[in-house]
Amino acid sequence: MRADDASWLRPVEWMVLLKSSSFLCHRRSGCAVEPCAVGDFQVGVLELRRRLWDQGVFTADDGGAWRVEAGNLLICERGPRFVVAVAMGTEPVLLPAGTVLLSAAPLAEDGRLQPNNAAWVLRG
């Protein structure tokens, strides 16, 4: 995959990963069995974000702290419990500790974030 290829954002695959984490599998009839439409994915991500907001995982005042870690892993921390990780390098990278809520593509077998991939991570 080329670095300038914007197709790495795969909404249907994201929805499958969301379903496997049981955050959205109950959303609509049929959603748990077959891939959801892009619109369903977008609604699902917004519902997940709203649920995290309601649970106090982040607030409007949290802002974001950005940094780049080893392997060109771009990290945005929004409060102490929520992290967005973007793998911008050429090799899989370790994710911050926590539960992966969603990922743009499947993680490597060892749980690393693949290149040209992004993930939301919830810390304990």
PDB file of N, CA and C in Angstrom:
ATOM      1  N   MET A   1       0.833  -1.179   0.000  1.00  0.00           N
ATOM      2  CA  MET A   1       0.000   0.000   0.000  1.00  0.00           C
ATOM      3  C   MET A   1       0.877   1.241   0.000  1.00  0.00           C
ATOM      4  N   ARG A   2       0.564   2.183  -0.861  1.00  0.00           N
ATOM      5  CA  ARG A   2       1.338   3.408  -0.956  1.00  0.00           C
ATOM      6  C   ARG A   2       0.943   4.368   0.165  1.00  0.00           C
ATOM      7  N   ALA A   3       1.895   5.192   0.586  1.00  0.00           N
ATOM      8  CA  ALA A   3       1.632   6.172   1.645  1.00  0.00           C
ATOM      9  C   ALA A   3       0.600   7.207   1.212  1.00  0.00           C
ATOM     10  N   ASP A   4       0.494   7.485  -0.098  1.00  0.00           N
ATOM     11  CA  ASP A   4      -0.469   8.475  -0.560  1.00  0.00           C
ATOM     12  C   ASP A   4      -1.833   7.862  -0.878  1.00  0.00           C
ATOM     13  N   ASP A   5      -1.995   6.585  -0.587  1.00  0.00           N
ATOM     14  CA  ASP A   5      -3.249   5.880  -0.856  1.00  0.00           C
ATOM     15  C   ASP A   5      -4.212   6.109   0.303  1.00  0.00           C
ATOM     16  N   ALA A   6      -5.262   6.888   0.090  1.00  0.00           N
ATOM     17  CA  ALA A   6      -6.215   7.231   1.145  1.00  0.00           C
ATOM     18  C   ALA A   6      -7.177   6.093   1.441  1.00  0.00           C
ATOM     19  N   SER A   7      -7.102   4.990   0.709  1.00  0.00           N
ATOM     20  CA  SER A   7      -8.059   3.901   0.921  1.00  0.00           C
ATOM     21  C   SER A   7      -7.785   3.107   2.196  1.00  0.00           C
ATOM     22  N   TRP A   8      -6.762   3.470   2.956  1.00  0.00           N
ATOM     23  CA  TRP A   8      -6.470   2.712   4.177  1.00  0.00           C
ATOM     24  C   TRP A   8      -7.542   2.909   5.236  1.00  0.00           C
ATOM     25  N   LEU A   9      -8.400   3.900   5.092  1.00  0.00           N
ATOM     26  CA  LEU A   9      -9.535   4.046   6.007  1.00  0.00           C
ATOM     27  C   LEU A   9     -10.651   3.161   5.495  1.00  0.00           C
ATOM     28  N   ARG A  10     -10.875   2.040   6.142  1.00  0.00           N
ATOM     29  CA  ARG A  10     -11.821   1.033   5.676  1.00  0.00           C
ATOM     30  C   ARG A  10     -13.017   0.946   6.624  1.00  0.00           C
ATOM     31  N   PRO A  11     -14.056   1.744   6.399  1.00  0.00           N
ATOM     32  CA  PRO A  11     -15.179   1.777   7.330  1.00  0.00           C
ATOM     33  C   PRO A  11     -15.808   0.429   7.606  1.00  0.00           C
ATOM     34  N   VAL A  12     -16.002  -0.418   6.601  1.00  0.00           N
ATOM     35  CA  VAL A  12     -16.643  -1.701   6.849  1.00  0.00           C
ATOM     36  C   VAL A  12     -15.775  -2.553   7.766  1.00  0.00           C
ATOM     37  N   GLU A  13     -14.470  -2.585   7.536  1.00  0.00           N
ATOM     38  CA  GLU A  13     -13.589  -3.346   8.404  1.00  0.00           C
ATOM     39  C   GLU A  13     -13.578  -2.775   9.808  1.00  0.00           C
ATOM     40  N   TRP A  14     -13.655  -1.443   9.946  1.00  0.00           N
ATOM     41  CA  TRP A  14     -13.719  -0.843  11.275  1.00  0.00           C
ATOM     42  C   TRP A  14     -14.951  -1.366  11.990  1.00  0.00           C
ATOM     43  N   MET A  15     -16.068  -1.443  11.267  1.00  0.00           N
ATOM     44  CA  MET A  15     -17.310  -1.885  11.901  1.00  0.00           C
ATOM     45  C   MET A  15     -17.178  -3.321  12.374  1.00  0.00           C
ATOM     46  N   VAL A  16     -16.522  -4.164  11.586  1.00  0.00           N
ATOM     47  CA  VAL A  16     -16.318  -5.541  12.001  1.00  0.00           C
ATOM     48  C   VAL A  16     -15.515  -5.578  13.296  1.00  0.00           C
ATOM     49  N   LEU A  17     -14.467  -4.751  13.394  1.00  0.00           N
ATOM     50  CA  LEU A  17     -13.667  -4.709  14.610  1.00  0.00           C
ATOM     51  C   LEU A  17     -14.493  -4.170  15.778  1.00  0.00           C
ATOM     52  N   LEU A  18     -15.324  -3.187  15.509  1.00  0.00           N
ATOM     53  CA  LEU A  18     -16.188  -2.669  16.571  1.00  0.00           C
ATOM     54  C   LEU A  18     -17.130  -3.752  17.056  1.00  0.00           C
ATOM     55  N   LYS A  19     -17.702  -4.519  16.117  1.00  0.00           N
ATOM     56  CA  LYS A  19     -18.629  -5.576  16.499  1.00  0.00           C
ATOM     57  C   LYS A  19     -17.914  -6.622  17.350  1.00  0.00           C
ATOM     58  N   SER A  20     -16.675  -6.956  16.987  1.00  0.00           N
ATOM     59  CA  SER A  20     -15.967  -7.991  17.727  1.00  0.00           C
ATOM     60  C   SER A  20     -15.625  -7.529  19.139  1.00  0.00           C
ATOM     61  N   SER A  21     -15.569  -6.223  19.366  1.00  0.00           N
ATOM     62  CA  SER A  21     -15.303  -5.736  20.712  1.00  0.00           C
ATOM     63  C   SER A  21     -16.597  -5.570  21.509  1.00  0.00           C
ATOM     64  N   SER A  22     -17.735  -5.938  20.906  1.00  0.00           N
ATOM     65  CA  SER A  22     -19.074  -5.920  21.499  1.00  0.00           C
ATOM     66  C   SER A  22     -19.551  -4.533  21.900  1.00  0.00           C
ATOM     67  N   PHE A  23     -18.965  -3.491  21.346  1.00  0.00           N
ATOM     68  CA  PHE A  23     -19.453  -2.147  21.629  1.00  0.00           C
ATOM     69  C   PHE A  23     -20.709  -1.835  20.835  1.00  0.00           C
ATOM     70  N   LEU A  24     -20.791  -2.317  19.584  1.00  0.00           N
ATOM     71  CA  LEU A  24     -21.890  -1.911  18.726  1.00  0.00           C
ATOM     72  C   LEU A  24     -22.676  -3.072  18.119  1.00  0.00           C
ATOM     73  N   CYS A  25     -22.395  -4.295  18.515  1.00  0.00           N
ATOM     74  CA  CYS A  25     -23.007  -5.427  17.833  1.00  0.00           C
ATOM     75  C   CYS A  25     -24.526  -5.460  18.005  1.00  0.00           C
ATOM     76  N   HIS A  26     -25.055  -4.793  18.970  1.00  0.00           N
ATOM     77  CA  HIS A  26     -26.499  -4.800  19.206  1.00  0.00           C
ATOM     78  C   HIS A  26     -27.212  -3.617  18.562  1.00  0.00           C
ATOM     79  N   ARG A  27     -26.486  -2.766  17.824  1.00  0.00           N
ATOM     80  CA  ARG A  27     -27.037  -1.518  17.332  1.00  0.00           C
ATOM     81  C   ARG A  27     -28.305  -1.665  16.501  1.00  0.00           C
ATOM     82  N   ARG A  28     -28.241  -2.414  15.418  1.00  0.00           N
ATOM     83  CA  ARG A  28     -29.389  -2.569  14.524  1.00  0.00           C
ATOM     84  C   ARG A  28     -29.505  -4.010  14.096  1.00  0.00           C
ATOM     85  N   SER A  29     -30.703  -4.424  13.742  1.00  0.00           N
ATOM     86  CA  SER A  29     -30.881  -5.805  13.295  1.00  0.00           C
ATOM     87  C   SER A  29     -30.013  -6.046  12.071  1.00  0.00           C
ATOM     88  N   GLY A  30     -29.366  -7.192  12.020  1.00  0.00           N
ATOM     89  CA  GLY A  30     -28.500  -7.549  10.908  1.00  0.00           C
ATOM     90  C   GLY A  30     -27.077  -7.057  11.052  1.00  0.00           C
ATOM     91  N   CYS A  31     -26.846  -6.072  11.887  1.00  0.00           N
ATOM     92  CA  CYS A  31     -25.519  -5.475  11.998  1.00  0.00           C
ATOM     93  C   CYS A  31     -24.513  -6.457  12.582  1.00  0.00           C
ATOM     94  N   ALA A  32     -24.961  -7.336  13.452  1.00  0.00           N
ATOM     95  CA  ALA A  32     -24.033  -8.252  14.107  1.00  0.00           C
ATOM     96  C   ALA A  32     -23.594  -9.376  13.176  1.00  0.00           C
ATOM     97  N   VAL A  33     -24.338  -9.628  12.109  1.00  0.00           N
ATOM     98  CA  VAL A  33     -24.040 -10.753  11.239  1.00  0.00           C
ATOM     99  C   VAL A  33     -23.319 -10.321   9.971  1.00  0.00           C
ATOM    100  N   GLU A  34     -23.755  -9.229   9.367  1.00  0.00           N
ATOM    101  CA  GLU A  34     -23.178  -8.780   8.113  1.00  0.00           C
ATOM    102  C   GLU A  34     -22.511  -7.424   8.294  1.00  0.00           C
ATOM    103  N   PRO A  35     -21.528  -7.116   7.429  1.00  0.00           N
ATOM    104  CA  PRO A  35     -20.900  -5.786   7.523  1.00  0.00           C
ATOM    105  C   PRO A  35     -21.938  -4.686   7.382  1.00  0.00           C
ATOM    106  N   CYS A  36     -21.749  -3.637   8.133  1.00  0.00           N
ATOM    107  CA  CYS A  36     -22.677  -2.513   8.105  1.00  0.00           C
ATOM    108  C   CYS A  36     -22.292  -1.535   7.007  1.00  0.00           C
ATOM    109  N   ALA A  37     -23.263  -0.762   6.580  1.00  0.00           N
ATOM    110  CA  ALA A  37     -23.012   0.282   5.606  1.00  0.00           C
ATOM    111  C   ALA A  37     -22.158   1.370   6.237  1.00  0.00           C
ATOM    112  N   VAL A  38     -21.523   2.174   5.396  1.00  0.00           N
ATOM    113  CA  VAL A  38     -20.677   3.258   5.891  1.00  0.00           C
ATOM    114  C   VAL A  38     -21.458   4.158   6.834  1.00  0.00           C
ATOM    115  N   GLY A  39     -22.702   4.473   6.489  1.00  0.00           N
ATOM    116  CA  GLY A  39     -23.531   5.319   7.361  1.00  0.00           C
ATOM    117  C   GLY A  39     -23.723   4.691   8.726  1.00  0.00           C
ATOM    118  N   ASP A  40     -23.950   3.373   8.769  1.00  0.00           N
ATOM    119  CA  ASP A  40     -24.093   2.684  10.049  1.00  0.00           C
ATOM    120  C   ASP A  40     -22.804   2.754  10.849  1.00  0.00           C
ATOM    121  N   PHE A  41     -21.673   2.607  10.153  1.00  0.00           N
ATOM    122  CA  PHE A  41     -20.379   2.713  10.823  1.00  0.00           C
ATOM    123  C   PHE A  41     -20.222   4.086  11.459  1.00  0.00           C
ATOM    124  N   GLN A  42     -20.514   5.121  10.675  1.00  0.00           N
ATOM    125  CA  GLN A  42     -20.351   6.477  11.190  1.00  0.00           C
ATOM    126  C   GLN A  42     -21.257   6.731  12.381  1.00  0.00           C
ATOM    127  N   VAL A  43     -22.484   6.269  12.305  1.00  0.00           N
ATOM    128  CA  VAL A  43     -23.412   6.416  13.429  1.00  0.00           C
ATOM    129  C   VAL A  43     -22.889   5.633  14.630  1.00  0.00           C
ATOM    130  N   GLY A  44     -22.360   4.439  14.374  1.00  0.00           N
ATOM    131  CA  GLY A  44     -21.826   3.616  15.458  1.00  0.00           C
ATOM    132  C   GLY A  44     -20.655   4.267  16.166  1.00  0.00           C
ATOM    133  N   VAL A  45     -19.745   4.873  15.393  1.00  0.00           N
ATOM    134  CA  VAL A  45     -18.597   5.546  16.001  1.00  0.00           C
ATOM    135  C   VAL A  45     -19.068   6.745  16.821  1.00  0.00           C
ATOM    136  N   LEU A  46     -20.046   7.474  16.306  1.00  0.00           N
ATOM    137  CA  LEU A  46     -20.585   8.605  17.070  1.00  0.00           C
ATOM    138  C   LEU A  46     -21.267   8.129  18.346  1.00  0.00           C
ATOM    139  N   GLU A  47     -21.958   6.996  18.286  1.00  0.00           N
ATOM    140  CA  GLU A  47     -22.564   6.431  19.501  1.00  0.00           C
ATOM    141  C   GLU A  47     -21.489   6.026  20.506  1.00  0.00           C
ATOM    142  N   LEU A  48     -20.414   5.404  20.015  1.00  0.00           N
ATOM    143  CA  LEU A  48     -19.311   5.024  20.893  1.00  0.00           C
ATOM    144  C   LEU A  48     -18.707   6.267  21.544  1.00  0.00           C
ATOM    145  N   ARG A  49     -18.482   7.296  20.757  1.00  0.00           N
ATOM    146  CA  ARG A  49     -17.929   8.549  21.291  1.00  0.00           C
ATOM    147  C   ARG A  49     -18.864   9.138  22.352  1.00  0.00           C
ATOM    148  N   ARG A  50     -20.162   9.129  22.074  1.00  0.00           N
ATOM    149  CA  ARG A  50     -21.133   9.652  23.031  1.00  0.00           C
ATOM    150  C   ARG A  50     -21.117   8.826  24.328  1.00  0.00           C
ATOM    151  N   ARG A  51     -21.003   7.517  24.187  1.00  0.00           N
ATOM    152  CA  ARG A  51     -20.952   6.642  25.365  1.00  0.00           C
ATOM    153  C   ARG A  51     -19.699   6.937  26.196  1.00  0.00           C
ATOM    154  N   LEU A  52     -18.572   7.123  25.533  1.00  0.00           N
ATOM    155  CA  LEU A  52     -17.331   7.458  26.253  1.00  0.00           C
ATOM    156  C   LEU A  52     -17.477   8.805  26.958  1.00  0.00           C
ATOM    157  N   TRP A  53     -18.108   9.755  26.295  1.00  0.00           N
ATOM    158  CA  TRP A  53     -18.372  11.077  26.886  1.00  0.00           C
ATOM    159  C   TRP A  53     -19.248  10.920  28.131  1.00  0.00           C
ATOM    160  N   ASP A  54     -20.346  10.157  27.986  1.00  0.00           N
ATOM    161  CA  ASP A  54     -21.281   9.947  29.106  1.00  0.00           C
ATOM    162  C   ASP A  54     -20.604   9.265  30.292  1.00  0.00           C
ATOM    163  N   GLN A  55     -19.634   8.405  30.006  1.00  0.00           N
ATOM    164  CA  GLN A  55     -18.910   7.686  31.063  1.00  0.00           C
ATOM    165  C   GLN A  55     -17.795   8.526  31.668  1.00  0.00           C
ATOM    166  N   GLY A  56     -17.600   9.741  31.155  1.00  0.00           N
ATOM    167  CA  GLY A  56     -16.573  10.620  31.697  1.00  0.00           C
ATOM    168  C   GLY A  56     -15.162  10.283  31.251  1.00  0.00           C
ATOM    169  N   VAL A  57     -15.034   9.485  30.182  1.00  0.00           N
ATOM    170  CA  VAL A  57     -13.703   9.142  29.681  1.00  0.00           C
ATOM    171  C   VAL A  57     -12.990  10.391  29.189  1.00  0.00           C
ATOM    172  N   PHE A  58     -13.730  11.302  28.560  1.00  0.00           N
ATOM    173  CA  PHE A  58     -13.195  12.603  28.190  1.00  0.00           C
ATOM    174  C   PHE A  58     -14.294  13.648  28.265  1.00  0.00           C
ATOM    175  N   THR A  59     -13.889  14.912  28.345  1.00  0.00           N
ATOM    176  CA  THR A  59     -14.835  16.023  28.432  1.00  0.00           C
ATOM    177  C   THR A  59     -14.442  17.097  27.416  1.00  0.00           C
ATOM    178  N   ALA A  60     -15.248  18.116  27.314  1.00  0.00           N
ATOM    179  CA  ALA A  60     -14.978  19.206  26.377  1.00  0.00           C
ATOM    180  C   ALA A  60     -13.710  19.972  26.747  1.00  0.00           C
ATOM    181  N   ASP A  61     -13.301  19.910  27.991  1.00  0.00           N
ATOM    182  CA  ASP A  61     -12.148  20.676  28.460  1.00  0.00           C
ATOM    183  C   ASP A  61     -10.826  19.911  28.424  1.00  0.00           C
ATOM    184  N   ASP A  62     -10.840  18.669  27.991  1.00  0.00           N
ATOM    185  CA  ASP A  62      -9.631  17.847  28.027  1.00  0.00           C
ATOM    186  C   ASP A  62      -8.544  18.313  27.068  1.00  0.00           C
ATOM    187  N   GLY A  63      -8.914  18.804  25.909  1.00  0.00           N
ATOM    188  CA  GLY A  63      -7.900  19.132  24.919  1.00  0.00           C
ATOM    189  C   GLY A  63      -7.217  17.874  24.428  1.00  0.00           C
ATOM    190  N   GLY A  64      -6.038  18.014  23.901  1.00  0.00           N
ATOM    191  CA  GLY A  64      -5.286  16.862  23.429  1.00  0.00           C
ATOM    192  C   GLY A  64      -3.804  17.134  23.520  1.00  0.00           C
ATOM    193  N   ALA A  65      -3.050  16.144  23.956  1.00  0.00           N
ATOM    194  CA  ALA A  65      -1.591  16.252  24.024  1.00  0.00           C
ATOM    195  C   ALA A  65      -1.016  15.336  22.948  1.00  0.00           C
ATOM    196  N   TRP A  66      -0.251  15.910  22.025  1.00  0.00           N
ATOM    197  CA  TRP A  66       0.298  15.179  20.893  1.00  0.00           C
ATOM    198  C   TRP A  66       1.789  14.915  21.090  1.00  0.00           C
ATOM    199  N   ARG A  67       2.220  13.734  20.631  1.00  0.00           N
ATOM    200  CA  ARG A  67       3.642  13.402  20.635  1.00  0.00           C
ATOM    201  C   ARG A  67       3.882  12.282  19.617  1.00  0.00           C
ATOM    202  N   VAL A  68       5.127  12.099  19.240  1.00  0.00           N
ATOM    203  CA  VAL A  68       5.515  11.005  18.352  1.00  0.00           C
ATOM    204  C   VAL A  68       6.433  10.084  19.132  1.00  0.00           C
ATOM    205  N   GLU A  69       6.104   8.797  19.131  1.00  0.00           N
ATOM    206  CA  GLU A  69       6.905   7.793  19.846  1.00  0.00           C
ATOM    207  C   GLU A  69       7.726   6.981  18.848  1.00  0.00           C
ATOM    208  N   ALA A  70       8.515   6.062  19.359  1.00  0.00           N
ATOM    209  CA  ALA A  70       9.372   5.206  18.535  1.00  0.00           C
ATOM    210  C   ALA A  70       8.561   4.543  17.427  1.00  0.00           C
ATOM    211  N   GLY A  71       9.183   4.420  16.266  1.00  0.00           N
ATOM    212  CA  GLY A  71       8.525   3.788  15.134  1.00  0.00           C
ATOM    213  C   GLY A  71       7.536   4.690  14.423  1.00  0.00           C
ATOM    214  N   ASN A  72       7.617   5.997  14.676  1.00  0.00           N
ATOM    215  CA  ASN A  72       6.697   6.975  14.091  1.00  0.00           C
ATOM    216  C   ASN A  72       5.249   6.709  14.478  1.00  0.00           C
ATOM    217  N   LEU A  73       5.027   6.396  15.749  1.00  0.00           N
ATOM    218  CA  LEU A  73       3.687   6.226  16.285  1.00  0.00           C
ATOM    219  C   LEU A  73       3.218   7.581  16.815  1.00  0.00           C
ATOM    220  N   LEU A  74       2.236   8.166  16.130  1.00  0.00           N
ATOM    221  CA  LEU A  74       1.665   9.437  16.548  1.00  0.00           C
ATOM    222  C   LEU A  74       0.606   9.166  17.608  1.00  0.00           C
ATOM    223  N   ILE A  75       0.735   9.819  18.746  1.00  0.00           N
ATOM    224  CA  ILE A  75      -0.174   9.622  19.879  1.00  0.00           C
ATOM    225  C   ILE A  75      -0.878  10.935  20.196  1.00  0.00           C
ATOM    226  N   CYS A  76      -2.183  10.849  20.385  1.00  0.00           N
ATOM    227  CA  CYS A  76      -2.953  11.970  20.921  1.00  0.00           C
ATOM    228  C   CYS A  76      -3.670  11.471  22.174  1.00  0.00           C
ATOM    229  N   GLU A  77      -3.295  12.043  23.311  1.00  0.00           N
ATOM    230  CA  GLU A  77      -3.952  11.691  24.569  1.00  0.00           C
ATOM    231  C   GLU A  77      -5.020  12.728  24.862  1.00  0.00           C
ATOM    232  N   ARG A  78      -6.224  12.262  25.048  1.00  0.00           N
ATOM    233  CA  ARG A  78      -7.314  13.153  25.402  1.00  0.00           C
ATOM    234  C   ARG A  78      -7.761  12.749  26.794  1.00  0.00           C
ATOM    235  N   GLY A  79      -7.189  13.369  27.787  1.00  0.00           N
ATOM    236  CA  GLY A  79      -7.439  12.978  29.161  1.00  0.00           C
ATOM    237  C   GLY A  79      -6.608  11.759  29.514  1.00  0.00           C
ATOM    238  N   PRO A  80      -6.697  11.304  30.746  1.00  0.00           N
ATOM    239  CA  PRO A  80      -5.850  10.203  31.194  1.00  0.00           C
ATOM    240  C   PRO A  80      -6.275   8.819  30.686  1.00  0.00           C
ATOM    241  N   ARG A  81      -7.493   8.679  30.122  1.00  0.00           N
ATOM    242  CA  ARG A  81      -7.986   7.350  29.773  1.00  0.00           C
ATOM    243  C   ARG A  81      -8.171   7.088  28.286  1.00  0.00           C
ATOM    244  N   PHE A  82      -8.070   8.116  27.420  1.00  0.00           N
ATOM    245  CA  PHE A  82      -8.378   7.917  26.007  1.00  0.00           C
ATOM    246  C   PHE A  82      -7.189   8.317  25.139  1.00  0.00           C
ATOM    247  N   VAL A  83      -6.801   7.416  24.215  1.00  0.00           N
ATOM    248  CA  VAL A  83      -5.657   7.649  23.339  1.00  0.00           C
ATOM    249  C   VAL A  83      -6.047   7.311  21.902  1.00  0.00           C
ATOM    250  N   VAL A  84      -5.646   8.184  20.985  1.00  0.00           N
ATOM    251  CA  VAL A  84      -5.709   7.874  19.557  1.00  0.00           C
ATOM    252  C   VAL A  84      -4.272   7.607  19.127  1.00  0.00           C
ATOM    253  N   ALA A  85      -4.050   6.464  18.494  1.00  0.00           N
ATOM    254  CA  ALA A  85      -2.716   6.089  18.032  1.00  0.00           C
ATOM    255  C   ALA A  85      -2.744   5.921  16.518  1.00  0.00           C
ATOM    256  N   VAL A  86      -1.771   6.513  15.832  1.00  0.00           N
ATOM    257  CA  VAL A  86      -1.690   6.428  14.370  1.00  0.00           C
ATOM    258  C   VAL A  86      -0.289   5.938  14.005  1.00  0.00           C
ATOM    259  N   ALA A  87      -0.222   4.785  13.332  1.00  0.00           N
ATOM    260  CA  ALA A  87       1.058   4.218  12.913  1.00  0.00           C
ATOM    261  C   ALA A  87       1.465   4.853  11.590  1.00  0.00           C
ATOM    262  N   MET A  88       2.461   5.733  11.651  1.00  0.00           N
ATOM    263  CA  MET A  88       2.883   6.466  10.458  1.00  0.00           C
ATOM    264  C   MET A  88       4.189   5.941   9.879  1.00  0.00           C
ATOM    265  N   GLY A  89       4.749   4.900  10.472  1.00  0.00           N
ATOM    266  CA  GLY A  89       6.013   4.341   9.994  1.00  0.00           C
ATOM    267  C   GLY A  89       5.798   3.203   9.024  1.00  0.00           C
ATOM    268  N   THR A  90       6.845   2.420   8.821  1.00  0.00           N
ATOM    269  CA  THR A  90       6.805   1.315   7.863  1.00  0.00           C
ATOM    270  C   THR A  90       6.736  -0.053   8.533  1.00  0.00           C
ATOM    271  N   GLU A  91       6.810  -0.094   9.857  1.00  0.00           N
ATOM    272  CA  GLU A  91       6.778  -1.349  10.608  1.00  0.00           C
ATOM    273  C   GLU A  91       5.652  -1.304  11.642  1.00  0.00           C
ATOM    274  N   PRO A  92       5.097  -2.467  12.020  1.00  0.00           N
ATOM    275  CA  PRO A  92       4.102  -2.494  13.096  1.00  0.00           C
ATOM    276  C   PRO A  92       4.704  -1.952  14.390  1.00  0.00           C
ATOM    277  N   VAL A  93       3.874  -1.299  15.206  1.00  0.00           N
ATOM    278  CA  VAL A  93       4.347  -0.692  16.450  1.00  0.00           C
ATOM    279  C   VAL A  93       3.455  -1.103  17.617  1.00  0.00           C
ATOM    280  N   LEU A  94       4.065  -1.083  18.814  1.00  0.00           N
ATOM    281  CA  LEU A  94       3.307  -1.393  20.025  1.00  0.00           C
ATOM    282  C   LEU A  94       2.312  -0.285  20.323  1.00  0.00           C
ATOM    283  N   LEU A  95       1.114  -0.670  20.693  1.00  0.00           N
ATOM    284  CA  LEU A  95       0.110   0.296  21.120  1.00  0.00           C
ATOM    285  C   LEU A  95       0.294   0.618  22.594  1.00  0.00           C
ATOM    286  N   PRO A  96      -0.190   1.768  23.030  1.00  0.00           N
ATOM    287  CA  PRO A  96      -0.194   2.044  24.468  1.00  0.00           C
ATOM    288  C   PRO A  96      -1.045   0.979  25.177  1.00  0.00           C
ATOM    289  N   ALA A  97      -0.755   0.738  26.437  1.00  0.00           N
ATOM    290  CA  ALA A  97      -1.516  -0.246  27.207  1.00  0.00           C
ATOM    291  C   ALA A  97      -2.976   0.170  27.279  1.00  0.00           C
ATOM    292  N   GLY A  98      -3.864  -0.799  27.184  1.00  0.00           N
ATOM    293  CA  GLY A  98      -5.290  -0.527  27.288  1.00  0.00           C
ATOM    294  C   GLY A  98      -6.089  -1.429  26.360  1.00  0.00           C
ATOM    295  N   THR A  99      -7.379  -1.117  26.230  1.00  0.00           N
ATOM    296  CA  THR A  99      -8.296  -1.876  25.397  1.00  0.00           C
ATOM    297  C   THR A  99      -8.493  -1.151  24.072  1.00  0.00           C
ATOM    298  N   VAL A 100      -8.257  -1.846  22.968  1.00  0.00           N
ATOM    299  CA  VAL A 100      -8.479  -1.257  21.653  1.00  0.00           C
ATOM    300  C   VAL A 100      -9.982  -1.225  21.403  1.00  0.00           C
ATOM    301  N   LEU A 101     -10.526  -0.010  21.238  1.00  0.00           N
ATOM    302  CA  LEU A 101     -11.948   0.160  20.987  1.00  0.00           C
ATOM    303  C   LEU A 101     -12.284   0.011  19.516  1.00  0.00           C
ATOM    304  N   LEU A 102     -11.413   0.504  18.656  1.00  0.00           N
ATOM    305  CA  LEU A 102     -11.585   0.317  17.222  1.00  0.00           C
ATOM    306  C   LEU A 102     -10.255   0.520  16.542  1.00  0.00           C
ATOM    307  N   SER A 103     -10.167  -0.043  15.345  1.00  0.00           N
ATOM    308  CA  SER A 103      -8.948   0.043  14.551  1.00  0.00           C
ATOM    309  C   SER A 103      -9.339   0.108  13.090  1.00  0.00           C
ATOM    310  N   ALA A 104      -8.587   0.861  12.301  1.00  0.00           N
ATOM    311  CA  ALA A 104      -8.896   1.009  10.881  1.00  0.00           C
ATOM    312  C   ALA A 104      -8.659  -0.279  10.101  1.00  0.00           C
ATOM    313  N   ALA A 105      -7.786  -1.120  10.596  1.00  0.00           N
ATOM    314  CA  ALA A 105      -7.479  -2.402   9.969  1.00  0.00           C
ATOM    315  C   ALA A 105      -7.124  -3.371  11.091  1.00  0.00           C
ATOM    316  N   PRO A 106      -7.182  -4.656  10.814  1.00  0.00           N
ATOM    317  CA  PRO A 106      -6.833  -5.614  11.867  1.00  0.00           C
ATOM    318  C   PRO A 106      -5.424  -5.370  12.412  1.00  0.00           C
ATOM    319  N   LEU A 107      -5.260  -5.631  13.691  1.00  0.00           N
ATOM    320  CA  LEU A 107      -3.944  -5.548  14.314  1.00  0.00           C
ATOM    321  C   LEU A 107      -3.120  -6.751  13.882  1.00  0.00           C
ATOM    322  N   ALA A 108      -1.816  -6.638  13.993  1.00  0.00           N
ATOM    323  CA  ALA A 108      -0.937  -7.779  13.722  1.00  0.00           C
ATOM    324  C   ALA A 108      -1.247  -8.877  14.738  1.00  0.00           C
ATOM    325  N   GLU A 109      -0.814 -10.094  14.452  1.00  0.00           N
ATOM    326  CA  GLU A 109      -1.079 -11.224  15.343  1.00  0.00           C
ATOM    327  C   GLU A 109      -0.575 -10.980  16.758  1.00  0.00           C
ATOM    328  N   ASP A 110       0.502 -10.229  16.895  1.00  0.00           N
ATOM    329  CA  ASP A 110       1.058  -9.957  18.221  1.00  0.00           C
ATOM    330  C   ASP A 110       0.431  -8.716  18.868  1.00  0.00           C
ATOM    331  N   GLY A 111      -0.624  -8.167  18.235  1.00  0.00           N
ATOM    332  CA  GLY A 111      -1.329  -7.029  18.806  1.00  0.00           C
ATOM    333  C   GLY A 111      -0.767  -5.678  18.431  1.00  0.00           C
ATOM    334  N   ARG A 112       0.267  -5.662  17.609  1.00  0.00           N
ATOM    335  CA  ARG A 112       0.854  -4.374  17.194  1.00  0.00           C
ATOM    336  C   ARG A 112      -0.035  -3.698  16.163  1.00  0.00           C
ATOM    337  N   LEU A 113       0.073  -2.381  16.115  1.00  0.00           N
ATOM    338  CA  LEU A 113      -0.649  -1.580  15.142  1.00  0.00           C
ATOM    339  C   LEU A 113       0.115  -1.598  13.826  1.00  0.00           C
ATOM    340  N   GLN A 114      -0.570  -2.020  12.766  1.00  0.00           N
ATOM    341  CA  GLN A 114       0.051  -2.105  11.452  1.00  0.00           C
ATOM    342  C   GLN A 114       0.330  -0.704  10.899  1.00  0.00           C
ATOM    343  N   PRO A 115       1.301  -0.564   9.983  1.00  0.00           N
ATOM    344  CA  PRO A 115       1.532   0.736   9.335  1.00  0.00           C
ATOM    345  C   PRO A 115       0.261   1.235   8.643  1.00  0.00           C
ATOM    346  N   ASN A 116       0.127   2.552   8.531  1.00  0.00           N
ATOM    347  CA  ASN A 116      -1.038   3.174   7.895  1.00  0.00           C
ATOM    348  C   ASN A 116      -2.343   2.746   8.560  1.00  0.00           C
ATOM    349  N   ASN A 117      -2.326   2.703   9.872  1.00  0.00           N
ATOM    350  CA  ASN A 117      -3.492   2.275  10.641  1.00  0.00           C
ATOM    351  C   ASN A 117      -3.651   3.209  11.830  1.00  0.00           C
ATOM    352  N   ALA A 118      -4.863   3.296  12.314  1.00  0.00           N
ATOM    353  CA  ALA A 118      -5.147   4.121  13.487  1.00  0.00           C
ATOM    354  C   ALA A 118      -6.030   3.323  14.434  1.00  0.00           C
ATOM    355  N   ALA A 119      -5.952   3.638  15.727  1.00  0.00           N
ATOM    356  CA  ALA A 119      -6.756   2.938  16.721  1.00  0.00           C
ATOM    357  C   ALA A 119      -7.147   3.887  17.850  1.00  0.00           C
ATOM    358  N   TRP A 120      -8.308   3.615  18.422  1.00  0.00           N
ATOM    359  CA  TRP A 120      -8.716   4.267  19.667  1.00  0.00           C
ATOM    360  C   TRP A 120      -8.423   3.285  20.787  1.00  0.00           C
ATOM    361  N   VAL A 121      -7.781   3.770  21.840  1.00  0.00           N
ATOM    362  CA  VAL A 121      -7.406   2.914  22.966  1.00  0.00           C
ATOM    363  C   VAL A 121      -7.961   3.510  24.248  1.00  0.00           C
ATOM    364  N   LEU A 122      -8.622   2.659  25.025  1.00  0.00           N
ATOM    365  CA  LEU A 122      -9.147   3.049  26.342  1.00  0.00           C
ATOM    366  C   LEU A 122      -8.233   2.477  27.400  1.00  0.00           C
ATOM    367  N   ARG A 123      -7.673   3.353  28.213  1.00  0.00           N
ATOM    368  CA  ARG A 123      -6.813   2.903  29.294  1.00  0.00           C
ATOM    369  C   ARG A 123      -7.657   2.548  30.511  1.00  0.00           C
ATOM    370  N   GLY A 124      -7.134   1.591  31.303  1.00  0.00           N
ATOM    371  CA  GLY A 124      -7.811   1.112  32.505  1.00  0.00           C
ATOM    372  C   GLY A 124      -8.271   2.176  33.378  1.00  0.00           C
TER     373      GLY A 124
END
